[in-house]
Amino acid sequence: MSYADNVVRWLRERLDRDPPLAQPRELTLALRVLALWRASVIVDAFVAHHGRVVLQGPFAGMAYVEGATEGALAPRLLGTYEAELHPYLLALAAEGLDRVVDVGSAEGYYAIGMALLARDTQVYAFDTAPKARAACAQMAALNGVADRVVIGETLKPEDLEAYGGPRSLVLMDVEGAEEELLRPDLSPALAHTHIIVEAHEVYRPGVAARLTERFAPTHHVTQLAMGGRTLPLPDWLMASNHLDQLLAVWEWRLGPTPWLVMRPKSLNA
């Protein structure tokens, strides 16, 4: 049964209820299900035009595995994904990094992307999901960087001590566990480490403010909210309807997930 067939069956089951899709919450969920289906159609169209290769942005040219193990695939392939971080990633790569630690790496968008962007960098990718680790290994091989990407499963707060330092970057997207993992009291090396973390306010209200307060003594902290997408879309997508253009760059977020970009003050000393 195809994805479209599953969506139709899901909708039919709910339309057969009495009353059908009666609550606003149910209608919102139905809208999201249909949007996810349409996003998958857009991915198929992208692959037909360009193959499984990132089109633009810092990781342009990166070969991709068949699907994202977490989150939206279309904006990753388009190169619009989390575009707010692009200037910071490019700046850090230009300054020079010895290592990148990607915690919550999924299939490796950042792990493999940073290995390509910073060619002398050792990358450590951690994810608790076996499917994600397998996809990350596959993508490292596809892009010829498997020798510089070490894939692991779990990471404790104190483990970050081994990876910290002024030429290290910790990237973290762990669906709300960032508050438990980013503990400078357990890993003092974090005081001198570049950190970019997604703060999952949708799951942990106030977590961005708490992490900002925690790292303010040692870091310059910049909070970034998601904004509009201004990177150009390919011609075939520009010729499509406006809804498809919006869904192509939609990142599936359920609520606020600001990023904290934390640069160690010790580098200014």
C-alpha atoms as a PDB file:
ATOM      1  CA  MET A   1       0.000   0.000   0.000  1.00  0.00           C
ATOM      2  CA  SER A   2       1.393   3.411  -0.974  1.00  0.00           C
ATOM      3  CA  TYR A   3       1.775   6.408   1.305  1.00  0.00           C
ATOM      4  CA  ALA A   4      -1.108   8.105  -0.524  1.00  0.00           C
ATOM      5  CA  ASP A   5      -3.304   5.029   0.037  1.00  0.00           C
ATOM      6  CA  ASN A   6      -2.536   5.137   3.753  1.00  0.00           C
ATOM      7  CA  VAL A   7      -3.460   8.817   3.912  1.00  0.00           C
ATOM      8  CA  VAL A   8      -6.766   8.181   2.117  1.00  0.00           C
ATOM      9  CA  ARG A   9      -7.565   5.299   4.473  1.00  0.00           C
ATOM     10  CA  TRP A  10      -6.699   7.452   7.504  1.00  0.00           C
ATOM     11  CA  LEU A  11      -9.016  10.223   6.298  1.00  0.00           C
ATOM     12  CA  ARG A  12     -11.825   7.837   5.357  1.00  0.00           C
ATOM     13  CA  GLU A  13     -11.789   6.282   8.844  1.00  0.00           C
ATOM     14  CA  ARG A  14     -12.247   9.715  10.384  1.00  0.00           C
ATOM     15  CA  LEU A  15     -14.846  10.879   7.875  1.00  0.00           C
ATOM     16  CA  ASP A  16     -16.922   7.772   8.613  1.00  0.00           C
ATOM     17  CA  ARG A  17     -17.209   8.766  12.258  1.00  0.00           C
ATOM     18  CA  ASP A  18     -20.320  10.478  13.557  1.00  0.00           C
ATOM     19  CA  PRO A  19     -19.793  13.376  13.548  1.00  0.00           C
ATOM     20  CA  PRO A  20     -16.818  13.338  11.143  1.00  0.00           C
ATOM     21  CA  LEU A  21     -13.742  15.424  11.935  1.00  0.00           C
ATOM     22  CA  ALA A  22     -15.896  17.488  14.267  1.00  0.00           C
ATOM     23  CA  GLN A  23     -13.281  19.157  16.437  1.00  0.00           C
ATOM     24  CA  PRO A  24     -10.845  21.889  15.359  1.00  0.00           C
ATOM     25  CA  ARG A  25      -8.020  19.762  16.742  1.00  0.00           C
ATOM     26  CA  GLU A  26      -9.016  16.897  14.433  1.00  0.00           C
ATOM     27  CA  LEU A  27      -9.178  19.219  11.436  1.00  0.00           C
ATOM     28  CA  THR A  28      -5.738  20.612  12.288  1.00  0.00           C
ATOM     29  CA  LEU A  29      -4.344  17.085  12.458  1.00  0.00           C
ATOM     30  CA  ALA A  30      -5.977  16.217   9.111  1.00  0.00           C
ATOM     31  CA  LEU A  31      -4.412  19.313   7.567  1.00  0.00           C
ATOM     32  CA  ARG A  32      -0.991  18.264   8.855  1.00  0.00           C
ATOM     33  CA  VAL A  33      -1.410  14.709   7.513  1.00  0.00           C
ATOM     34  CA  LEU A  34      -2.323  16.045   4.069  1.00  0.00           C
ATOM     35  CA  ALA A  35       0.572  18.511   4.180  1.00  0.00           C
ATOM     36  CA  LEU A  36       2.995  15.698   5.010  1.00  0.00           C
ATOM     37  CA  TRP A  37       1.680  13.722   2.056  1.00  0.00           C
ATOM     38  CA  ARG A  38       2.084  16.693  -0.271  1.00  0.00           C
ATOM     39  CA  ALA A  39       5.613  17.279   1.055  1.00  0.00           C
ATOM     40  CA  SER A  40       6.484  13.703   0.061  1.00  0.00           C
ATOM     41  CA  VAL A  41       5.180  14.393  -3.472  1.00  0.00           C
ATOM     42  CA  ILE A  42       7.438  17.463  -3.634  1.00  0.00           C
ATOM     43  CA  VAL A  43      10.437  15.333  -2.600  1.00  0.00           C
ATOM     44  CA  ASP A  44       9.677  12.897  -5.427  1.00  0.00           C
ATOM     45  CA  ALA A  45       9.543  15.800  -7.882  1.00  0.00           C
ATOM     46  CA  PHE A  46      12.828  17.186  -6.555  1.00  0.00           C
ATOM     47  CA  VAL A  47      14.572  13.837  -6.967  1.00  0.00           C
ATOM     48  CA  ALA A  48      13.226  13.518 -10.513  1.00  0.00           C
ATOM     49  CA  HIS A  49      14.764  16.904 -11.399  1.00  0.00           C
ATOM     50  CA  HIS A  50      18.006  16.901  -9.401  1.00  0.00           C
ATOM     51  CA  GLY A  51      18.642  13.471  -7.917  1.00  0.00           C
ATOM     52  CA  ARG A  52      19.315  13.014  -4.209  1.00  0.00           C
ATOM     53  CA  VAL A  53      21.785  15.887  -3.922  1.00  0.00           C
ATOM     54  CA  VAL A  54      21.537  19.046  -1.795  1.00  0.00           C
ATOM     55  CA  LEU A  55      20.879  21.927  -4.176  1.00  0.00           C
ATOM     56  CA  GLN A  56      22.319  24.982  -2.397  1.00  0.00           C
ATOM     57  CA  GLY A  57      23.478  26.374   0.930  1.00  0.00           C
ATOM     58  CA  PRO A  58      26.622  25.419   2.889  1.00  0.00           C
ATOM     59  CA  PHE A  59      26.239  21.736   2.019  1.00  0.00           C
ATOM     60  CA  ALA A  60      25.457  22.129  -1.691  1.00  0.00           C
ATOM     61  CA  GLY A  61      26.413  19.020  -3.630  1.00  0.00           C
ATOM     62  CA  MET A  62      26.106  16.643  -0.667  1.00  0.00           C
ATOM     63  CA  ALA A  63      24.705  13.276  -1.766  1.00  0.00           C
ATOM     64  CA  TYR A  64      21.707  12.194   0.279  1.00  0.00           C
ATOM     65  CA  VAL A  65      20.269   8.901   1.454  1.00  0.00           C
ATOM     66  CA  GLU A  66      16.733   7.922   0.509  1.00  0.00           C
ATOM     67  CA  GLY A  67      14.966   9.645   3.396  1.00  0.00           C
ATOM     68  CA  ALA A  68      15.386  11.740   6.508  1.00  0.00           C
ATOM     69  CA  THR A  69      15.183   9.666   9.675  1.00  0.00           C
ATOM     70  CA  GLU A  70      13.915  12.692  11.590  1.00  0.00           C
ATOM     71  CA  GLY A  71      12.092  15.704  10.210  1.00  0.00           C
ATOM     72  CA  ALA A  72      11.503  17.162   6.769  1.00  0.00           C
ATOM     73  CA  LEU A  73      13.506  16.018   3.749  1.00  0.00           C
ATOM     74  CA  ALA A  74      12.462  18.602   1.129  1.00  0.00           C
ATOM     75  CA  PRO A  75      14.111  21.627   2.812  1.00  0.00           C
ATOM     76  CA  ARG A  76      17.263  19.609   3.412  1.00  0.00           C
ATOM     77  CA  LEU A  77      17.512  18.777  -0.281  1.00  0.00           C
ATOM     78  CA  LEU A  78      16.646  22.332  -1.292  1.00  0.00           C
ATOM     79  CA  GLY A  79      19.317  23.652   1.073  1.00  0.00           C
ATOM     80  CA  THR A  80      16.898  25.937   2.919  1.00  0.00           C
ATOM     81  CA  TYR A  81      16.829  23.829   6.090  1.00  0.00           C
ATOM     82  CA  GLU A  82      17.559  25.859   9.232  1.00  0.00           C
ATOM     83  CA  ALA A  83      18.932  28.649   7.056  1.00  0.00           C
ATOM     84  CA  GLU A  84      19.330  30.851  10.132  1.00  0.00           C
ATOM     85  CA  LEU A  85      22.414  28.801  11.025  1.00  0.00           C
ATOM     86  CA  HIS A  86      24.142  29.072   7.646  1.00  0.00           C
ATOM     87  CA  PRO A  87      26.254  32.184   8.383  1.00  0.00           C
ATOM     88  CA  TYR A  88      27.481  30.734  11.662  1.00  0.00           C
ATOM     89  CA  LEU A  89      28.417  27.364  10.171  1.00  0.00           C
ATOM     90  CA  LEU A  90      30.293  29.031   7.332  1.00  0.00           C
ATOM     91  CA  ALA A  91      32.130  31.339   9.741  1.00  0.00           C
ATOM     92  CA  LEU A  92      33.169  28.496  12.045  1.00  0.00           C
ATOM     93  CA  ALA A  93      34.401  26.394   9.128  1.00  0.00           C
ATOM     94  CA  ALA A  94      36.418  29.358   7.842  1.00  0.00           C
ATOM     95  CA  GLU A  95      37.969  29.971  11.271  1.00  0.00           C
ATOM     96  CA  GLY A  96      39.080  26.336  11.452  1.00  0.00           C
ATOM     97  CA  LEU A  97      37.748  23.436  13.479  1.00  0.00           C
ATOM     98  CA  ASP A  98      39.512  20.331  14.730  1.00  0.00           C
ATOM     99  CA  ARG A  99      36.319  18.489  15.577  1.00  0.00           C
ATOM    100  CA  VAL A 100      32.560  18.643  15.311  1.00  0.00           C
ATOM    101  CA  VAL A 101      30.331  16.735  17.716  1.00  0.00           C
ATOM    102  CA  ASP A 102      26.816  16.261  16.340  1.00  0.00           C
ATOM    103  CA  VAL A 103      24.488  15.045  19.092  1.00  0.00           C
ATOM    104  CA  GLY A 104      21.153  13.893  17.718  1.00  0.00           C
ATOM    105  CA  SER A 105      22.661  13.494  14.278  1.00  0.00           C
ATOM    106  CA  ALA A 106      19.754  11.649  12.599  1.00  0.00           C
ATOM    107  CA  GLU A 107      20.871  10.614   9.091  1.00  0.00           C
ATOM    108  CA  GLY A 108      23.795  13.043   9.208  1.00  0.00           C
ATOM    109  CA  TYR A 109      22.722  16.278   7.549  1.00  0.00           C
ATOM    110  CA  TYR A 110      25.088  18.261   9.785  1.00  0.00           C
ATOM    111  CA  ALA A 111      27.630  15.537  10.506  1.00  0.00           C
ATOM    112  CA  ILE A 112      28.328  14.808   6.858  1.00  0.00           C
ATOM    113  CA  GLY A 113      27.732  18.401   5.803  1.00  0.00           C
ATOM    114  CA  MET A 114      30.357  19.722   8.215  1.00  0.00           C
ATOM    115  CA  ALA A 115      32.790  16.979   7.184  1.00  0.00           C
ATOM    116  CA  LEU A 116      32.442  18.258   3.609  1.00  0.00           C
ATOM    117  CA  LEU A 117      32.517  21.936   4.548  1.00  0.00           C
ATOM    118  CA  ALA A 118      35.555  21.690   6.847  1.00  0.00           C
ATOM    119  CA  ARG A 119      37.795  19.168   5.140  1.00  0.00           C
ATOM    120  CA  ASP A 120      40.359  18.854   7.966  1.00  0.00           C
ATOM    121  CA  THR A 121      37.732  18.257  10.651  1.00  0.00           C
ATOM    122  CA  GLN A 122      37.050  15.050  12.562  1.00  0.00           C
ATOM    123  CA  VAL A 123      33.321  14.526  13.080  1.00  0.00           C
ATOM    124  CA  TYR A 124      31.614  12.551  15.835  1.00  0.00           C
ATOM    125  CA  ALA A 125      27.938  11.765  15.241  1.00  0.00           C
ATOM    126  CA  PHE A 126      25.724  10.445  18.040  1.00  0.00           C
ATOM    127  CA  ASP A 127      22.172   9.152  17.781  1.00  0.00           C
ATOM    128  CA  THR A 128      20.295   6.618  19.890  1.00  0.00           C
ATOM    129  CA  ALA A 129      18.263   5.305  16.928  1.00  0.00           C
ATOM    130  CA  PRO A 130      19.853   2.367  15.044  1.00  0.00           C
ATOM    131  CA  LYS A 131      18.140   3.437  11.813  1.00  0.00           C
ATOM    132  CA  ALA A 132      19.665   6.909  12.114  1.00  0.00           C
ATOM    133  CA  ARG A 133      23.167   5.559  12.736  1.00  0.00           C
ATOM    134  CA  ALA A 134      22.912   3.233   9.739  1.00  0.00           C
ATOM    135  CA  ALA A 135      21.741   6.068   7.495  1.00  0.00           C
ATOM    136  CA  CYS A 136      24.537   8.326   8.746  1.00  0.00           C
ATOM    137  CA  ALA A 137      27.132   5.671   7.943  1.00  0.00           C
ATOM    138  CA  GLN A 138      25.608   5.245   4.485  1.00  0.00           C
ATOM    139  CA  MET A 139      25.673   8.973   3.833  1.00  0.00           C
ATOM    140  CA  ALA A 140      29.280   9.265   5.020  1.00  0.00           C
ATOM    141  CA  ALA A 141      30.234   6.560   2.521  1.00  0.00           C
ATOM    142  CA  LEU A 142      28.228   8.202  -0.280  1.00  0.00           C
ATOM    143  CA  ASN A 143      30.170  11.427   0.230  1.00  0.00           C
ATOM    144  CA  GLY A 144      33.615   9.900   0.703  1.00  0.00           C
ATOM    145  CA  VAL A 145      34.089  11.068   4.308  1.00  0.00           C
ATOM    146  CA  ALA A 146      33.623   7.806   6.206  1.00  0.00           C
ATOM    147  CA  ASP A 147      37.237   7.972   7.389  1.00  0.00           C
ATOM    148  CA  ARG A 148      36.491  11.234   9.247  1.00  0.00           C
ATOM    149  CA  VAL A 149      33.074  10.433  10.714  1.00  0.00           C
ATOM    150  CA  VAL A 150      32.867   8.367  13.895  1.00  0.00           C
ATOM    151  CA  ILE A 151      29.333   7.224  14.699  1.00  0.00           C
ATOM    152  CA  GLY A 152      28.219   6.546  18.263  1.00  0.00           C
ATOM    153  CA  GLU A 153      25.031   5.795  20.154  1.00  0.00           C
ATOM    154  CA  THR A 154      24.751   7.513  23.529  1.00  0.00           C
ATOM    155  CA  LEU A 155      26.516  10.449  25.096  1.00  0.00           C
ATOM    156  CA  LYS A 156      26.524  11.439  28.754  1.00  0.00           C
ATOM    157  CA  PRO A 157      27.104  15.034  29.896  1.00  0.00           C
ATOM    158  CA  GLU A 158      30.592  14.256  31.199  1.00  0.00           C
ATOM    159  CA  ASP A 159      31.545  12.623  27.883  1.00  0.00           C
ATOM    160  CA  LEU A 160      31.621  16.042  26.225  1.00  0.00           C
ATOM    161  CA  GLU A 161      34.772  16.832  28.198  1.00  0.00           C
ATOM    162  CA  ALA A 162      36.793  14.719  25.780  1.00  0.00           C
ATOM    163  CA  TYR A 163      35.596  16.713  22.765  1.00  0.00           C
ATOM    164  CA  GLY A 164      35.667  20.304  24.021  1.00  0.00           C
ATOM    165  CA  GLY A 165      38.062  23.113  23.237  1.00  0.00           C
ATOM    166  CA  PRO A 166      38.389  26.373  21.307  1.00  0.00           C
ATOM    167  CA  ARG A 167      38.529  24.568  17.937  1.00  0.00           C
ATOM    168  CA  SER A 168      35.559  22.325  18.690  1.00  0.00           C
ATOM    169  CA  LEU A 169      31.910  22.733  17.764  1.00  0.00           C
ATOM    170  CA  VAL A 170      29.070  20.930  19.512  1.00  0.00           C
ATOM    171  CA  LEU A 171      25.858  20.771  17.473  1.00  0.00           C
ATOM    172  CA  MET A 172      22.887  19.511  19.458  1.00  0.00           C
ATOM    173  CA  ASP A 173      19.318  18.632  18.517  1.00  0.00           C
ATOM    174  CA  VAL A 174      17.976  16.182  21.079  1.00  0.00           C
ATOM    175  CA  GLU A 175      14.245  16.902  21.322  1.00  0.00           C
ATOM    176  CA  GLY A 176      14.325  18.463  24.786  1.00  0.00           C
ATOM    177  CA  ALA A 177      17.255  16.637  26.425  1.00  0.00           C
ATOM    178  CA  GLU A 178      19.635  19.557  25.763  1.00  0.00           C
ATOM    179  CA  GLU A 179      19.178  20.844  29.297  1.00  0.00           C
ATOM    180  CA  GLU A 180      20.441  17.568  30.772  1.00  0.00           C
ATOM    181  CA  LEU A 181      23.340  17.137  28.343  1.00  0.00           C
ATOM    182  CA  LEU A 182      24.837  20.629  28.293  1.00  0.00           C
ATOM    183  CA  ARG A 183      26.286  20.680  31.798  1.00  0.00           C
ATOM    184  CA  PRO A 184      29.456  22.777  32.158  1.00  0.00           C
ATOM    185  CA  ASP A 185      29.656  21.664  35.789  1.00  0.00           C
ATOM    186  CA  LEU A 186      30.198  18.096  34.529  1.00  0.00           C
ATOM    187  CA  SER A 187      32.201  19.082  31.449  1.00  0.00           C
ATOM    188  CA  PRO A 188      34.321  22.194  32.164  1.00  0.00           C
ATOM    189  CA  ALA A 189      35.757  22.105  28.622  1.00  0.00           C
ATOM    190  CA  LEU A 190      32.388  23.377  27.375  1.00  0.00           C
ATOM    191  CA  ALA A 191      33.424  26.816  28.672  1.00  0.00           C
ATOM    192  CA  HIS A 192      35.855  27.059  25.743  1.00  0.00           C
ATOM    193  CA  THR A 193      33.729  25.268  23.123  1.00  0.00           C
ATOM    194  CA  HIS A 194      31.515  26.611  20.337  1.00  0.00           C
ATOM    195  CA  ILE A 195      27.956  25.370  20.824  1.00  0.00           C
ATOM    196  CA  ILE A 196      24.910  25.505  18.579  1.00  0.00           C
ATOM    197  CA  VAL A 197      21.858  23.974  20.212  1.00  0.00           C
ATOM    198  CA  GLU A 198      18.200  23.780  19.261  1.00  0.00           C
ATOM    199  CA  ALA A 199      16.145  24.739  22.296  1.00  0.00           C
ATOM    200  CA  HIS A 200      12.897  22.802  22.259  1.00  0.00           C
ATOM    201  CA  GLU A 201      10.570  25.297  23.897  1.00  0.00           C
ATOM    202  CA  VAL A 202       7.675  23.264  22.538  1.00  0.00           C
ATOM    203  CA  TYR A 203       8.634  20.440  24.936  1.00  0.00           C
ATOM    204  CA  ARG A 204      10.513  22.357  27.646  1.00  0.00           C
ATOM    205  CA  PRO A 205       9.087  25.871  28.079  1.00  0.00           C
ATOM    206  CA  GLY A 206      11.801  28.261  29.231  1.00  0.00           C
ATOM    207  CA  VAL A 207      14.712  26.021  28.275  1.00  0.00           C
ATOM    208  CA  ALA A 208      16.286  28.676  26.026  1.00  0.00           C
ATOM    209  CA  ALA A 209      16.373  31.193  28.874  1.00  0.00           C
ATOM    210  CA  ARG A 210      17.756  28.631  31.311  1.00  0.00           C
ATOM    211  CA  LEU A 211      20.546  27.567  28.958  1.00  0.00           C
ATOM    212  CA  THR A 212      21.331  31.207  28.193  1.00  0.00           C
ATOM    213  CA  GLU A 213      21.678  31.931  31.899  1.00  0.00           C
ATOM    214  CA  ARG A 214      23.798  28.820  32.387  1.00  0.00           C
ATOM    215  CA  PHE A 215      26.293  29.746  29.672  1.00  0.00           C
ATOM    216  CA  ALA A 216      26.230  33.560  29.906  1.00  0.00           C
ATOM    217  CA  PRO A 217      29.309  33.688  32.188  1.00  0.00           C
ATOM    218  CA  THR A 218      31.455  31.889  29.591  1.00  0.00           C
ATOM    219  CA  HIS A 219      29.805  32.536  26.217  1.00  0.00           C
ATOM    220  CA  HIS A 220      28.378  35.209  23.988  1.00  0.00           C
ATOM    221  CA  VAL A 221      24.885  33.797  23.426  1.00  0.00           C
ATOM    222  CA  THR A 222      22.794  34.681  20.367  1.00  0.00           C
ATOM    223  CA  GLN A 223      19.227  33.427  20.178  1.00  0.00           C
ATOM    224  CA  LEU A 224      17.819  32.865  16.700  1.00  0.00           C
ATOM    225  CA  ALA A 225      14.160  32.414  15.861  1.00  0.00           C
ATOM    226  CA  MET A 226      12.960  30.825  12.660  1.00  0.00           C
ATOM    227  CA  GLY A 227      12.290  33.381   9.937  1.00  0.00           C
ATOM    228  CA  GLY A 228      11.089  33.391   6.362  1.00  0.00           C
ATOM    229  CA  ARG A 229      12.932  31.516   3.666  1.00  0.00           C
ATOM    230  CA  THR A 230      14.611  33.734   1.068  1.00  0.00           C
ATOM    231  CA  LEU A 231      16.921  31.305  -0.728  1.00  0.00           C
ATOM    232  CA  PRO A 232      15.887  30.857  -4.374  1.00  0.00           C
ATOM    233  CA  LEU A 233      13.742  27.911  -5.356  1.00  0.00           C
ATOM    234  CA  PRO A 234      14.388  25.926  -8.558  1.00  0.00           C
ATOM    235  CA  ASP A 235      12.481  26.985 -11.667  1.00  0.00           C
ATOM    236  CA  TRP A 236      10.197  23.952 -11.713  1.00  0.00           C
ATOM    237  CA  LEU A 237       9.067  24.712  -8.164  1.00  0.00           C
ATOM    238  CA  MET A 238       8.649  28.428  -8.881  1.00  0.00           C
ATOM    239  CA  ALA A 239       6.333  27.415 -11.722  1.00  0.00           C
ATOM    240  CA  SER A 240       4.205  25.424  -9.271  1.00  0.00           C
ATOM    241  CA  ASN A 241       1.481  26.758  -6.993  1.00  0.00           C
ATOM    242  CA  HIS A 242       2.263  28.877  -3.952  1.00  0.00           C
ATOM    243  CA  LEU A 243       1.164  26.202  -1.491  1.00  0.00           C
ATOM    244  CA  ASP A 244       3.722  23.749  -2.878  1.00  0.00           C
ATOM    245  CA  GLN A 245       6.396  26.434  -2.588  1.00  0.00           C
ATOM    246  CA  LEU A 246       5.515  26.907   1.079  1.00  0.00           C
ATOM    247  CA  LEU A 247       5.378  23.175   1.792  1.00  0.00           C
ATOM    248  CA  ALA A 248       8.739  22.645   0.086  1.00  0.00           C
ATOM    249  CA  VAL A 249      10.513  24.709   2.756  1.00  0.00           C
ATOM    250  CA  TRP A 250       8.234  23.676   5.652  1.00  0.00           C
ATOM    251  CA  GLU A 251      10.288  22.110   8.459  1.00  0.00           C
ATOM    252  CA  TRP A 252       7.409  20.349  10.256  1.00  0.00           C
ATOM    253  CA  ARG A 253       7.905  22.192  13.567  1.00  0.00           C
ATOM    254  CA  LEU A 254       5.118  21.789  16.133  1.00  0.00           C
ATOM    255  CA  GLY A 255       6.045  24.941  18.014  1.00  0.00           C
ATOM    256  CA  PRO A 256       8.930  27.263  18.900  1.00  0.00           C
ATOM    257  CA  THR A 257      12.399  25.748  18.574  1.00  0.00           C
ATOM    258  CA  PRO A 258      14.852  28.665  18.717  1.00  0.00           C
ATOM    259  CA  TRP A 259      18.570  28.096  18.292  1.00  0.00           C
ATOM    260  CA  LEU A 260      21.234  29.260  20.695  1.00  0.00           C
ATOM    261  CA  VAL A 261      24.567  30.055  19.076  1.00  0.00           C
ATOM    262  CA  MET A 262      27.143  30.212  21.865  1.00  0.00           C
ATOM    263  CA  ARG A 263      30.639  31.523  21.199  1.00  0.00           C
ATOM    264  CA  PRO A 264      33.215  31.202  24.037  1.00  0.00           C
ATOM    265  CA  LYS A 265      34.335  34.486  25.568  1.00  0.00           C
ATOM    266  CA  SER A 266      37.770  32.997  26.223  1.00  0.00           C
ATOM    267  CA  LEU A 267      38.576  33.409  22.515  1.00  0.00           C
ATOM    268  CA  ASN A 268      38.402  37.197  22.984  1.00  0.00           C
ATOM    269  CA  ALA A 269      40.837  37.204  25.899  1.00  0.00           C
END
